[in-house]
Protein backbone atom coordinates (compact mmCIF):
# COMPACT_ATOMS: atom_id res chain seq x y z
CA MET A 1 26.77 -2.82 29.80
CA GLU A 2 29.92 -3.35 27.76
CA ARG A 3 29.84 -2.32 24.11
CA LYS A 4 32.01 -3.90 21.46
CA PRO A 5 32.33 -3.38 17.70
CA SER A 6 30.76 -5.86 15.34
CA ALA A 7 31.50 -6.67 11.75
CA ASP A 8 28.29 -5.10 10.46
CA ASN A 9 28.99 -1.65 9.03
CA GLY A 10 30.84 -0.53 12.11
CA VAL A 11 27.70 -0.80 14.22
CA GLU A 12 28.18 -1.35 17.89
CA VAL A 13 26.70 -4.41 19.55
CA ILE A 14 25.87 -4.36 23.20
CA GLY A 15 27.65 -7.11 25.10
CA GLY A 16 25.28 -9.85 26.16
CA LEU A 17 23.33 -10.09 22.90
CA ASP A 18 22.77 -13.56 21.59
CA ASP A 19 26.15 -14.91 20.42
CA LYS A 20 24.50 -17.01 17.74
CA ALA A 21 22.85 -13.91 16.26
CA THR A 22 26.16 -12.05 16.32
CA ARG A 23 28.00 -14.92 14.61
CA ARG A 24 25.23 -15.15 12.05
CA ARG A 25 25.45 -11.47 11.13
CA GLN A 26 29.24 -11.62 11.05
CA SER A 27 29.02 -14.66 8.78
CA ALA A 28 26.55 -12.93 6.48
CA PHE A 29 28.75 -9.87 6.36
CA ALA A 30 31.78 -12.02 5.58
CA ARG A 31 29.95 -13.70 2.72
CA ARG A 32 29.00 -10.30 1.34
CA LYS A 33 32.57 -9.07 1.58
CA SER A 34 33.70 -12.12 -0.34
CA SER A 35 31.41 -11.14 -3.22
CA ALA A 36 33.76 -8.22 -3.96
CA VAL A 37 31.12 -5.54 -3.37
CA VAL A 38 32.63 -2.46 -1.76
CA GLU A 39 31.03 -1.64 1.60
CA GLU A 40 30.25 2.02 2.34
CA THR A 41 31.21 3.57 5.65
CA ALA A 42 28.32 4.79 7.76
CA ALA A 43 27.96 8.59 7.73
CA ILE A 44 28.57 10.48 10.97
CA VAL A 45 25.81 12.94 11.85
CA GLU A 46 25.75 15.32 14.80
CA ALA A 47 22.57 15.53 16.83
CA HIS A 48 22.58 19.31 17.30
CA THR A 49 22.37 19.86 13.52
CA LEU A 50 19.15 17.85 13.13
CA ASN A 51 15.47 18.48 13.76
CA ASP A 52 13.47 15.89 15.69
CA ALA A 53 12.36 13.91 12.62
CA ASP A 54 15.84 13.74 11.09
CA ARG A 55 17.34 12.85 14.45
CA ARG A 56 14.90 9.97 14.88
CA LEU A 57 15.79 8.79 11.37
CA ALA A 58 19.49 8.90 12.27
CA GLU A 59 18.78 6.89 15.41
CA MET A 60 17.31 4.22 13.15
CA GLY A 61 20.48 4.25 11.05
CA TYR A 62 19.72 6.49 8.08
CA THR A 63 20.62 9.99 6.90
CA GLN A 64 17.96 12.39 5.64
CA VAL A 65 17.91 12.66 1.83
CA TYR A 66 14.54 14.14 0.85
CA LYS A 67 13.08 17.53 1.64
CA ARG A 68 10.24 17.26 4.15
CA GLU A 69 7.50 19.07 2.21
CA PHE A 70 4.33 17.13 3.09
CA SER A 71 2.00 18.89 5.54
CA TRP A 72 -1.11 17.65 7.39
CA LEU A 73 -3.41 18.29 4.41
CA SER A 74 -1.16 16.74 1.78
CA THR A 75 -0.35 13.71 3.96
CA PHE A 76 -4.04 13.04 4.68
CA SER A 77 -4.85 13.59 1.01
CA PHE A 78 -2.14 11.09 0.05
CA ALA A 79 -3.47 8.48 2.48
CA LEU A 80 -7.06 8.92 1.28
CA SER A 81 -6.13 8.96 -2.39
CA VAL A 82 -4.33 5.62 -2.18
CA SER A 83 -7.64 3.88 -1.52
CA GLY A 84 -9.41 5.79 -4.31
CA LEU A 85 -12.73 5.36 -2.49
CA PHE A 86 -15.15 6.69 -5.12
CA ALA A 87 -13.45 5.01 -8.07
CA SER A 88 -12.55 1.79 -6.24
CA VAL A 89 -16.13 1.23 -5.07
CA SER A 90 -17.32 2.00 -8.59
CA THR A 91 -15.07 -0.64 -10.15
CA THR A 92 -15.43 -3.36 -7.46
CA PHE A 93 -19.17 -3.07 -6.71
CA ILE A 94 -19.75 -5.80 -9.29
CA TYR A 95 -18.36 -8.52 -6.99
CA PRO A 96 -20.75 -8.22 -4.03
CA TYR A 97 -23.61 -7.24 -6.33
CA GLU A 98 -23.09 -10.33 -8.45
CA ALA A 99 -22.51 -12.58 -5.43
CA GLY A 100 -25.54 -11.70 -3.31
CA GLY A 101 -27.20 -8.58 -4.62
CA ALA A 102 -27.69 -5.31 -2.77
CA SER A 103 -27.73 -6.80 0.74
CA SER A 104 -24.40 -8.56 0.18
CA ALA A 105 -22.84 -5.27 -0.91
CA VAL A 106 -24.18 -3.37 2.12
CA TRP A 107 -23.50 -5.84 4.94
CA CYS A 108 -20.23 -7.21 3.62
CA TRP A 109 -18.75 -3.72 3.24
CA LEU A 110 -19.55 -2.94 6.88
CA VAL A 111 -18.05 -6.19 8.21
CA SER A 112 -15.09 -6.34 5.86
CA GLY A 113 -14.37 -2.65 6.42
CA PHE A 114 -14.02 -3.25 10.15
CA GLY A 115 -11.49 -6.04 9.56
CA CYS A 116 -9.54 -3.86 7.15
CA TYR A 117 -9.61 -0.95 9.58
CA CYS A 118 -8.05 -3.13 12.26
CA ILE A 119 -5.19 -3.84 9.86
CA ALA A 120 -4.89 -0.11 9.12
CA LEU A 121 -4.71 0.79 12.83
CA SER A 122 -2.11 -1.92 13.43
CA VAL A 123 -0.04 -0.55 10.55
CA ALA A 124 -0.42 3.04 11.79
CA GLU A 125 0.90 2.06 15.23
CA LEU A 126 4.02 0.51 13.70
CA VAL A 127 4.56 3.45 11.34
CA SER A 128 4.51 5.87 14.28
CA ALA A 129 7.23 3.90 16.03
CA TYR A 130 9.45 3.42 12.96
CA PRO A 131 8.74 6.13 10.35
CA THR A 132 10.99 5.37 7.36
CA SER A 133 10.50 4.96 3.62
CA GLY A 134 10.96 1.23 4.09
CA GLY A 135 7.51 1.06 5.67
CA LEU A 136 6.50 -2.18 7.37
CA TYR A 137 9.46 -4.00 5.85
CA PHE A 138 11.86 -1.92 7.95
CA THR A 139 10.00 -2.61 11.20
CA CYS A 140 11.10 -6.26 11.04
CA LYS A 141 14.56 -5.05 12.09
CA TYR A 142 13.15 -4.12 15.49
CA LEU A 143 10.34 -6.63 15.88
CA ALA A 144 11.78 -9.95 14.69
CA PRO A 145 14.41 -12.08 16.49
CA THR A 146 17.84 -10.71 15.59
CA ASN A 147 19.09 -13.91 13.99
CA TRP A 148 16.00 -14.09 11.75
CA VAL A 149 15.86 -10.45 10.66
CA PRO A 150 17.39 -11.04 7.18
CA GLU A 151 14.97 -13.85 6.23
CA ILE A 152 11.85 -12.21 7.66
CA SER A 153 12.69 -8.79 6.19
CA TRP A 154 13.40 -10.41 2.83
CA LEU A 155 10.03 -12.21 2.68
CA CYS A 156 8.09 -9.21 3.98
CA GLY A 157 9.86 -6.88 1.55
CA TRP A 158 9.20 -8.94 -1.56
CA LEU A 159 5.55 -9.51 -0.66
CA ASN A 160 5.10 -5.78 -0.19
CA LEU A 161 6.88 -4.77 -3.39
CA ILE A 162 5.10 -7.33 -5.57
CA GLY A 163 1.78 -6.35 -4.02
CA GLN A 164 2.44 -2.69 -4.76
CA ILE A 165 3.42 -3.38 -8.36
CA ALA A 166 0.33 -5.52 -8.94
CA GLY A 167 -1.85 -2.91 -7.23
CA ALA A 168 -0.52 0.01 -9.25
CA ALA A 169 -0.85 -2.01 -12.46
CA SER A 170 -4.49 -2.82 -11.69
CA THR A 171 -5.16 0.85 -10.89
CA GLU A 172 -3.73 2.00 -14.20
CA TYR A 173 -5.76 -0.63 -16.04
CA GLY A 174 -8.86 0.55 -14.17
CA CYS A 175 -8.18 4.13 -15.27
CA ALA A 176 -8.25 3.00 -18.89
CA GLN A 177 -11.41 0.93 -18.38
CA LEU A 178 -13.30 3.83 -16.80
CA LEU A 179 -12.30 6.32 -19.49
CA LEU A 180 -13.30 3.95 -22.28
CA ALA A 181 -16.54 3.13 -20.43
CA ALA A 182 -17.37 6.84 -20.59
CA VAL A 183 -16.68 6.81 -24.34
CA SER A 184 -18.95 3.80 -24.75
CA MET A 185 -21.62 5.54 -22.66
CA ALA A 186 -21.52 8.50 -25.05
CA GLY A 187 -22.90 6.11 -27.67
CA ASP A 188 -25.55 4.79 -25.28
CA PHE A 189 -23.60 1.51 -24.99
CA ASN A 190 -24.89 0.52 -28.43
CA GLY A 191 -21.94 1.25 -30.67
CA TYR A 192 -18.42 1.40 -29.33
CA VAL A 193 -17.13 -1.48 -27.19
CA PRO A 194 -13.47 -1.16 -26.09
CA THR A 195 -11.04 -3.87 -27.14
CA ASP A 196 -8.20 -5.25 -25.03
CA ARG A 197 -5.67 -3.51 -27.27
CA GLN A 198 -7.34 -0.15 -26.83
CA THR A 199 -7.51 -0.61 -23.07
CA VAL A 200 -3.81 -1.49 -22.87
CA GLY A 201 -2.92 1.43 -25.13
CA VAL A 202 -4.79 3.95 -22.97
CA MET A 203 -3.26 2.36 -19.88
CA ALA A 204 0.25 2.84 -21.31
CA ALA A 205 -0.47 6.52 -22.00
CA PHE A 206 -1.67 7.02 -18.42
CA MET A 207 1.41 5.27 -17.06
CA MET A 208 3.80 7.47 -19.03
CA LEU A 209 1.99 10.56 -17.74
CA HIS A 210 2.08 9.38 -14.13
CA GLY A 211 5.74 8.38 -14.40
CA ALA A 212 6.64 11.82 -15.78
CA LEU A 213 4.73 13.63 -13.01
CA ASN A 214 6.35 11.48 -10.33
CA SER A 215 9.75 12.50 -11.67
CA LEU A 216 9.11 16.04 -10.39
CA ASN A 217 10.48 17.31 -7.07
CA THR A 218 8.81 16.69 -3.73
CA ALA A 219 7.45 20.25 -3.49
CA ALA A 220 5.57 19.86 -6.79
CA LEU A 221 4.22 16.46 -5.76
CA GLU A 222 3.05 17.89 -2.45
CA LYS A 223 1.17 20.74 -4.18
CA MET A 224 -0.59 18.30 -6.52
CA THR A 225 -1.45 15.91 -3.71
CA LYS A 226 -3.24 18.64 -1.73
CA THR A 227 -5.89 18.92 -4.44
CA TYR A 228 -6.75 15.22 -4.53
CA VAL A 229 -8.79 15.05 -1.33
CA ILE A 230 -10.87 18.16 -2.11
CA PHE A 231 -11.88 16.91 -5.56
CA HIS A 232 -12.44 13.38 -4.28
CA ILE A 233 -14.80 14.27 -1.43
CA ALA A 234 -16.69 16.79 -3.59
CA VAL A 235 -17.33 14.18 -6.31
CA LEU A 236 -18.36 11.53 -3.77
CA PHE A 237 -20.85 13.81 -2.04
CA SER A 238 -22.34 15.23 -5.24
CA CYS A 239 -22.74 11.76 -6.77
CA CYS A 240 -24.60 10.45 -3.71
CA VAL A 241 -26.93 13.46 -3.74
CA ALA A 242 -27.55 13.18 -7.49
CA LEU A 243 -28.37 9.46 -7.31
CA LEU A 244 -30.76 9.81 -4.37
CA ALA A 245 -32.49 12.87 -5.84
CA MET A 246 -32.92 11.54 -9.39
CA CYS A 247 -33.64 7.85 -8.86
CA ASP A 248 -37.38 7.19 -9.31
CA TYR A 249 -37.25 3.46 -8.67
CA LYS A 250 -35.36 3.05 -5.39
CA HIS A 251 -35.47 -0.39 -3.82
CA THR A 252 -37.28 -0.77 -0.53
CA SER A 253 -35.26 -0.98 2.69
CA SER A 254 -36.42 -4.56 3.11
CA TYR A 255 -34.96 -5.51 -0.27
CA THR A 256 -31.75 -3.52 0.18
CA TRP A 257 -30.90 -4.88 3.62
CA THR A 258 -32.36 -8.40 3.66
CA THR A 259 -32.87 -9.82 0.16
CA VAL A 260 -30.08 -12.03 -1.19
CA VAL A 261 -29.99 -12.39 -4.99
CA ASP A 262 -27.42 -14.99 -6.03
CA ASN A 263 -26.15 -14.40 -9.55
CA SER A 264 -22.84 -16.20 -9.04
CA GLY A 265 -24.00 -19.81 -9.35
CA TRP A 266 -22.52 -20.82 -5.99
CA SER A 267 -24.42 -23.01 -3.57
CA PRO A 268 -25.29 -22.57 -0.76
CA THR A 269 -26.29 -18.95 -1.11
CA GLY A 270 -24.51 -18.07 2.14
CA TRP A 271 -21.18 -18.95 0.58
CA SER A 272 -21.93 -16.77 -2.42
CA PHE A 273 -22.84 -13.95 -0.03
CA LEU A 274 -19.28 -13.99 1.35
CA PHE A 275 -17.83 -12.78 -1.95
CA GLY A 276 -19.24 -9.40 -0.98
CA PHE A 277 -16.17 -9.01 1.25
CA LEU A 278 -14.02 -8.48 -1.83
CA SER A 279 -15.12 -4.92 -2.60
CA ALA A 280 -14.05 -3.41 0.74
CA SER A 281 -10.95 -5.59 0.97
CA TRP A 282 -9.73 -4.51 -2.46
CA THR A 283 -10.54 -0.85 -1.79
CA MET A 284 -9.07 -0.64 1.72
CA THR A 285 -5.53 -1.84 1.09
CA ASP A 286 -2.00 -0.48 0.64
CA TYR A 287 -2.28 0.95 4.17
CA ASP A 288 1.45 1.59 4.48
CA ALA A 289 1.73 3.68 1.29
CA THR A 290 1.87 6.79 3.47
CA ALA A 291 4.74 5.23 5.44
CA HIS A 292 6.80 5.05 2.24
CA ILE A 293 6.82 8.85 2.00
CA ALA A 294 7.59 9.25 5.73
CA GLU A 295 10.96 10.80 4.95
CA GLU A 296 9.16 13.52 2.98
CA ILE A 297 6.69 14.36 5.77
CA LYS A 298 7.16 16.90 8.54
CA ASN A 299 6.79 15.16 11.93
CA PRO A 300 6.10 11.78 10.28
CA GLU A 301 5.78 9.89 13.57
CA ILE A 302 2.55 11.85 14.17
CA LYS A 303 1.21 12.89 10.76
CA ALA A 304 1.73 9.59 8.94
CA PRO A 305 -0.10 7.30 11.41
CA TRP A 306 -2.91 9.76 12.09
CA SER A 307 -3.40 10.26 8.34
CA ILE A 308 -3.60 6.49 7.85
CA ALA A 309 -6.10 6.10 10.70
CA LEU A 310 -8.30 9.03 9.65
CA ALA A 311 -8.17 8.33 5.90
CA LEU A 312 -8.98 4.63 6.26
CA GLY A 313 -11.70 5.42 8.79
CA PHE A 314 -13.25 7.81 6.29
CA THR A 315 -12.87 5.20 3.55
CA TRP A 316 -14.62 2.57 5.67
CA ILE A 317 -17.63 4.73 6.63
CA GLY A 318 -17.74 6.78 3.42
CA GLY A 319 -17.44 3.66 1.28
CA TRP A 320 -20.23 1.98 3.22
CA LEU A 321 -22.57 4.96 2.77
CA PHE A 322 -21.77 5.17 -0.96
CA THR A 323 -22.42 1.43 -1.27
CA ILE A 324 -25.80 1.87 0.44
CA VAL A 325 -26.72 4.61 -2.05
CA LEU A 326 -25.71 2.39 -4.98
CA ALA A 327 -27.68 -0.51 -3.52
CA TYR A 328 -30.88 1.54 -3.23
CA CYS A 329 -30.50 2.88 -6.77
CA SER A 330 -29.19 -0.27 -8.49
CA GLY A 331 -32.40 -1.32 -10.26
CA ASP A 332 -32.80 -4.82 -11.64
CA PRO A 333 -29.57 -6.78 -10.94
CA THR A 334 -29.97 -8.89 -14.07
CA GLN A 335 -30.14 -5.85 -16.34
CA THR A 336 -27.48 -3.87 -14.48
CA LEU A 337 -24.99 -6.74 -14.70
CA LYS A 338 -25.46 -6.95 -18.48
CA ASN A 339 -23.47 -3.73 -18.99
CA VAL A 340 -21.40 -4.24 -22.14
CA VAL A 341 -18.22 -2.82 -20.59
CA ALA A 342 -18.60 -4.87 -17.37
CA GLN A 343 -19.01 -1.71 -15.27
CA PRO A 344 -22.39 -1.97 -13.48
CA VAL A 345 -21.88 1.29 -11.57
CA ALA A 346 -21.41 3.12 -14.86
CA GLN A 347 -24.72 1.54 -15.92
CA ILE A 348 -26.34 2.80 -12.70
CA PHE A 349 -25.04 6.33 -13.40
CA TYR A 350 -26.43 6.13 -16.94
CA ASP A 351 -29.84 4.76 -15.91
CA VAL A 352 -30.40 7.15 -13.00
CA ILE A 353 -28.69 10.41 -13.96
CA GLY A 354 -28.77 10.12 -17.73
CA ARG A 355 -26.07 10.01 -20.36
CA ASN A 356 -24.43 13.37 -19.65
CA GLY A 357 -24.45 12.95 -15.90
CA GLY A 358 -23.28 9.37 -16.25
CA ILE A 359 -20.36 10.44 -18.43
CA PHE A 360 -19.43 13.15 -15.93
CA PHE A 361 -19.30 10.85 -12.91
CA THR A 362 -17.59 8.05 -14.83
CA VAL A 363 -14.88 10.46 -15.99
CA ALA A 364 -14.69 11.83 -12.42
CA ALA A 365 -14.10 8.28 -11.20
CA CYS A 366 -11.33 8.01 -13.78
CA PHE A 367 -9.76 11.20 -12.39
CA VAL A 368 -9.94 9.87 -8.84
CA LEU A 369 -8.32 6.62 -9.92
CA ASN A 370 -5.58 8.67 -11.60
CA PHE A 371 -4.90 10.24 -8.20
CA THR A 372 -4.64 6.73 -6.76
CA ALA A 373 -2.20 5.75 -9.49
CA MET A 374 -0.07 8.84 -8.86
CA THR A 375 0.23 8.14 -5.14
CA ALA A 376 0.80 4.42 -5.75
CA ILE A 377 3.74 5.12 -8.06
CA GLN A 378 5.24 7.61 -5.62
CA ALA A 379 4.96 5.09 -2.77
CA GLY A 380 6.28 2.27 -4.96
CA ALA A 381 9.28 4.27 -6.13
CA ARG A 382 10.17 5.19 -2.54
CA THR A 383 9.89 1.50 -1.64
CA ILE A 384 12.36 0.52 -4.36
CA TRP A 385 14.66 3.32 -3.22
CA ALA A 386 14.46 2.20 0.43
CA TYR A 387 15.14 -1.44 -0.47
CA SER A 388 18.08 -0.35 -2.58
CA ARG A 389 19.43 1.65 0.37
CA ASP A 390 19.57 -1.68 2.21
CA GLU A 391 21.05 -3.32 -0.93
CA MET A 392 18.20 -5.80 -1.23
CA LEU A 393 17.57 -5.47 -4.97
CA PRO A 394 19.79 -6.23 -7.98
CA LEU A 395 21.52 -3.05 -9.22
CA SER A 396 20.66 -1.35 -5.93
CA ARG A 397 23.20 1.40 -6.49
CA VAL A 398 21.37 2.48 -9.63
CA TRP A 399 17.89 2.60 -8.09
CA TYR A 400 19.21 4.35 -4.96
CA LYS A 401 20.48 7.37 -6.92
CA ILE A 402 18.76 10.71 -6.32
CA ASN A 403 18.37 13.09 -9.26
CA ARG A 404 20.25 16.32 -8.54
CA GLN A 405 17.65 18.57 -10.18
CA THR A 406 14.53 17.11 -8.56
CA GLY A 407 15.88 15.55 -5.37
CA THR A 408 13.80 12.43 -6.08
CA PRO A 409 14.72 8.84 -7.13
CA VAL A 410 13.89 9.15 -10.82
CA TYR A 411 15.45 5.80 -11.77
CA ALA A 412 13.33 4.06 -9.11
CA VAL A 413 10.22 5.86 -10.41
CA TRP A 414 10.71 4.53 -13.90
CA LEU A 415 11.67 1.03 -12.78
CA PHE A 416 8.38 0.83 -10.89
CA THR A 417 6.41 2.40 -13.76
CA ILE A 418 7.84 0.10 -16.43
CA SER A 419 7.31 -2.96 -14.21
CA CYS A 420 3.61 -2.09 -13.93
CA MET A 421 3.37 -1.47 -17.65
CA LEU A 422 4.95 -4.84 -18.49
CA ILE A 423 2.45 -6.62 -16.25
CA ASN A 424 -0.46 -4.91 -17.97
CA LEU A 425 0.81 -6.02 -21.38
CA ILE A 426 -0.37 -9.48 -20.36
CA GLY A 427 -3.86 -8.07 -20.92
CA LEU A 428 -3.18 -8.25 -24.66
CA GLY A 429 -3.13 -12.03 -24.46
CA SER A 430 -5.34 -13.00 -21.54
CA TYR A 431 -7.59 -10.90 -19.33
CA THR A 432 -7.98 -13.95 -17.08
CA ALA A 433 -4.24 -13.99 -16.38
CA ILE A 434 -4.04 -10.28 -15.71
CA SER A 435 -7.08 -10.47 -13.39
CA ALA A 436 -5.24 -13.07 -11.31
CA ILE A 437 -2.30 -10.69 -10.99
CA PHE A 438 -4.63 -7.93 -9.84
CA ASN A 439 -6.18 -10.30 -7.28
CA LEU A 440 -2.72 -10.89 -5.88
CA THR A 441 -2.50 -7.27 -4.68
CA ALA A 442 -4.53 -7.50 -1.47
CA ILE A 443 -3.15 -10.92 -0.50
CA ALA A 444 0.51 -9.94 -0.90
CA LEU A 445 0.11 -6.54 0.75
CA ASP A 446 -2.01 -7.73 3.68
CA TRP A 447 0.39 -10.55 4.54
CA SER A 448 3.36 -8.19 4.28
CA TYR A 449 1.62 -6.22 7.06
CA CYS A 450 0.71 -9.28 9.11
CA ILE A 451 4.31 -10.55 9.25
CA PRO A 452 5.58 -7.62 11.41
CA ILE A 453 2.29 -7.55 13.34
CA ILE A 454 2.77 -11.21 14.26
CA CYS A 455 6.40 -10.53 15.22
CA LYS A 456 5.22 -7.64 17.41
CA MET A 457 2.83 -9.91 19.28
CA LEU A 458 5.16 -12.89 19.61
CA TYR A 459 8.49 -11.40 20.59
CA GLY A 460 7.60 -8.36 22.71
CA LYS A 461 10.30 -6.09 21.29
CA PHE A 462 7.97 -3.30 20.20
CA GLU A 463 8.52 0.20 21.60
CA ARG A 464 5.52 2.35 20.77
CA GLY A 465 5.61 5.79 19.19
CA PRO A 466 3.44 8.88 19.77
CA PHE A 467 0.47 7.19 18.04
CA HIS A 468 -0.49 3.97 19.79
CA LEU A 469 -3.54 1.85 20.52
CA ALA A 470 -2.89 1.45 24.26
CA TRP A 471 -4.80 -1.50 25.77
CA ALA A 472 -6.63 -2.12 22.48
CA SER A 473 -3.41 -2.85 20.59
CA LEU A 474 -3.32 -6.60 21.19
CA PRO A 475 -6.99 -7.37 20.39
CA ILE A 476 -6.85 -5.18 17.28
CA ASN A 477 -3.63 -6.88 16.16
CA ILE A 478 -5.14 -10.32 16.74
CA TRP A 479 -8.28 -9.50 14.78
CA ALA A 480 -6.21 -8.01 11.94
CA VAL A 481 -4.31 -11.29 11.53
CA CYS A 482 -7.44 -13.44 11.95
CA TRP A 483 -9.36 -11.37 9.41
CA THR A 484 -6.52 -11.57 6.87
CA SER A 485 -6.35 -15.35 7.30
CA PHE A 486 -10.10 -15.66 6.75
CA VAL A 487 -10.48 -13.31 3.81
CA THR A 488 -7.50 -14.88 2.02
CA ILE A 489 -9.68 -17.96 1.54
CA ILE A 490 -12.27 -15.78 -0.20
CA TYR A 491 -9.60 -14.15 -2.37
CA VAL A 492 -8.46 -17.43 -3.91
CA MET A 493 -11.90 -18.81 -4.80
CA PRO A 494 -13.47 -18.30 -8.26
CA THR A 495 -16.40 -15.89 -7.94
CA ILE A 496 -18.53 -17.49 -10.67
CA ARG A 497 -19.79 -21.02 -11.22
CA PRO A 498 -19.63 -23.17 -13.24
CA VAL A 499 -15.87 -22.67 -13.31
CA THR A 500 -14.32 -22.45 -16.77
CA PRO A 501 -10.79 -21.63 -17.93
CA LYS A 502 -11.98 -18.07 -18.59
CA ASN A 503 -13.46 -17.33 -15.15
CA MET A 504 -11.09 -19.45 -13.05
CA ASN A 505 -9.25 -17.53 -10.31
CA TYR A 506 -5.57 -18.38 -10.85
CA VAL A 507 -4.32 -16.22 -7.98
CA VAL A 508 -3.40 -19.31 -5.95
CA VAL A 509 -0.93 -20.22 -8.69
CA LEU A 510 0.59 -16.75 -8.51
CA MET A 511 0.81 -16.95 -4.72
CA ALA A 512 2.82 -20.14 -5.06
CA ALA A 513 4.99 -18.49 -7.72
CA VAL A 514 5.73 -15.50 -5.48
CA ALA A 515 6.64 -17.78 -2.58
CA ILE A 516 8.89 -19.92 -4.76
CA PHE A 517 10.54 -16.80 -6.21
CA ALA A 518 11.20 -15.16 -2.83
CA ILE A 519 12.51 -18.33 -1.19
CA GLY A 520 14.42 -19.51 -4.26
CA TYR A 521 16.05 -16.13 -4.83
CA TRP A 522 17.03 -16.01 -1.16
CA TYR A 523 18.84 -19.34 -1.27
CA ALA A 524 20.31 -18.72 -4.72
CA ALA A 525 21.66 -15.23 -4.08
CA GLY A 526 20.04 -13.16 -1.34
CA ARG A 527 21.59 -14.94 1.62
CA TYR A 528 25.06 -14.16 0.29
CA TYR A 529 24.70 -10.38 0.32
CA TYR A 530 21.56 -9.33 2.19
CA ILE A 531 21.78 -8.93 5.96
CA GLY A 532 18.60 -6.97 6.63
CA PRO A 533 18.06 -3.21 6.96
CA ARG A 534 21.50 -1.61 7.11
CA VAL A 535 23.00 1.20 9.13
CA LYS A 536 23.97 4.16 6.96
CA ALA A 537 24.42 6.71 9.76
CA GLN A 538 25.92 7.01 13.22
CA LEU A 539 24.43 9.67 15.46
CA ILE A 540 26.86 11.63 17.62
CA LEU A 541 25.58 13.37 20.74
CA GLY A 542 27.57 15.88 22.81
CA VAL A 543 28.47 18.55 20.26
CA ALA A 544 27.70 22.28 20.73
CA GLY A 545 24.51 22.45 22.81
CA GLU A 546 25.18 19.00 24.20
CA GLU A 547 28.55 20.22 25.53
CA GLU A 548 26.83 23.04 27.42
CA LYS A 549 24.40 20.55 28.87
CA ALA A 550 27.29 18.32 29.92
CA ASN A 551 29.08 21.28 31.55
CA SER A 552 25.97 22.19 33.49
CA LEU A 553 25.99 18.66 34.86
CA GLY A 554 29.63 18.96 35.90
CA GLN A 555 30.95 16.74 33.12
CA SER A 556 34.03 17.34 31.01
CA SER A 557 33.43 19.18 27.77
CA ASP A 558 35.49 16.51 26.04
CA GLU A 559 33.04 13.82 26.99
CA LYS A 560 30.87 12.70 24.09
CA ARG A 561 28.33 9.96 23.78
CA GLU A 562 28.16 7.97 20.59
CA VAL A 563 24.86 6.32 19.78
CA THR A 564 24.50 3.81 16.99
CA VAL A 565 21.58 1.59 16.11
CA PRO A 566 22.22 -2.11 15.63
C-alpha cells in the first residue's frame, strides 16, 4: 500500500485512509502552526538499540525517558496500594452501614465489587495493548475513529485528570481525619473533637511530605513502594483476627446476612439498601493508576495488567471478608453511628479491642492511606507529564520537564500536589462542598475508562496485548459499562433524608461543571492546538543486526525499513 507524508509531525499516513480524517488532522495542524508555537521534530530511534519495552513504546510514537525500575513486587504493591483496601473500607463503611445496616454492607460489597472488577479487567486488557504513561487516555488514539481522536482523547483525558486530582485530595483529607480520630480516641472520644481548620492543617502537612517524597528518583520510589503491600496485608490480617477473637457480642449470621436496618430515612428500604454499593465503588477505583507508571516498569505489557487484575481481585475478595468481619462485630448501629468524629469503624475498634488497640489500628489505617496518597500523587504527576508530552495542558513545556538529578517530572509532581491542596482548602468553608468534590472521583474516573472501552466495542480497531480476556472480553466490557451507568445514579443521590443544604449531594452540579469546562475549553482554545496523542519518535529498523538479517534473506544491506506510528 502506498505511503505518503502527512502534515502531522512528519508521520507517515498509509494511502487509502479516510481523506476527511487526513484533511481534519492537516487542518488542526495548520491551526496550531498559526498559533506561533514551534513544533518539535520527532526523534529517530534505532530498533537494535532498544529492549522490547522501549521498542514497543517507540512503535507507539514515544521515546523512553524514565528508568524502568519497578519489578513484579513493587508493581503489584503499587496497584494494591492505590485502592488502600484496609483504610478505604474503614472510612467508607459508614455509607452501607447507615443505608441498610450490616447486611447492606456485606451483600452490596460482593455485588458492587464484581462490577468494579469487570471495569478493572477491561482496563487491564487495554493497558497490556498500549502501555504508556498516558494510561486509558492514550488508548483513544488507537480505538476511536481517526477523525474523532482529538475530541474523544480530550474529554477522556480531562475526566481522568480531574478524577485523579479529586481522588488524591480526598485521600489526603482522609489521612488527616484518621490521624485526628486516633487523637480523639486517646481521650475516649470525650474531650478532643477535631475542627475543620485542624483537619485541613494536618492534610497540608501530609501533602507537603508526599510531594517531597515523590520528587525523589524512580529507584527510591520503587524501594518505598515494595514495603506498602507487606505492611498493608499484615495489618488487614491482624485486625480481622483481633476483632473476631476479642468481640464478645458478635451478631448472629441471620442478622448479619438478612436484617436490613435503615438509618438513612429513605423509603422504600430497598432503595436505601442500594447505597451500600458506594463503599466498594469508592474503594475499587483509579484502576489505571498502574498504567501511568508503565514507562517505569520492566515488561509493562505483562506486569502492569497482571498487577491490576491481581490487586483488584484481592481488593474485591479481601475487602468483602473485612466487611463481613466488621459487620459481625459492629454492635448496635445507632450507637456506632454516633461516633463524634464520624468514623464508625474507629468506634468499632475502640469498643472491641479497647483504646490502645483502637488507636493502633486507626493509626495503621492512616499509614495505609498515606501509601495510597503516595501512589496517587506519583500516578497523577505522570499523567500531567504524559498530557504535557502531547501538549494538551497550558504551559505543557514546563510540566514536561524532567529534573536532571532525579530523572522524574518534579514540576508535574508539585502542580498535582498543589492542585489537591487547593481543593482541600474548600474544607475550611464548607465540608458539604468538599464532600461533593470527593464524590466526583469515582464518576469521573470510571467514565474516563468507559469511553475507550465503548470505542473498543464499537469500532473494532483493538489489537490485544499479551494479557487479554479472550472470549470473555466482550461480555466483561459490556457489564463494565452497564455497571458504571447504573452506579452513577447511586453516586448522585443524597444518602440521607430529609435532604437539607448540609447533607445534599452536589456532585451532579460538579459533573455539569466538569462537562462545561472540558467542552468550553475545547471550543475556546483546545481545538486550535490539540490534535490528540502526538508522535515524538520514529522507529528505524534495519540497522546492525537487522542488516545481517536482511543479508541472510538475500536483501541489500542498504535496504532499511522505516516504521512510524500514525
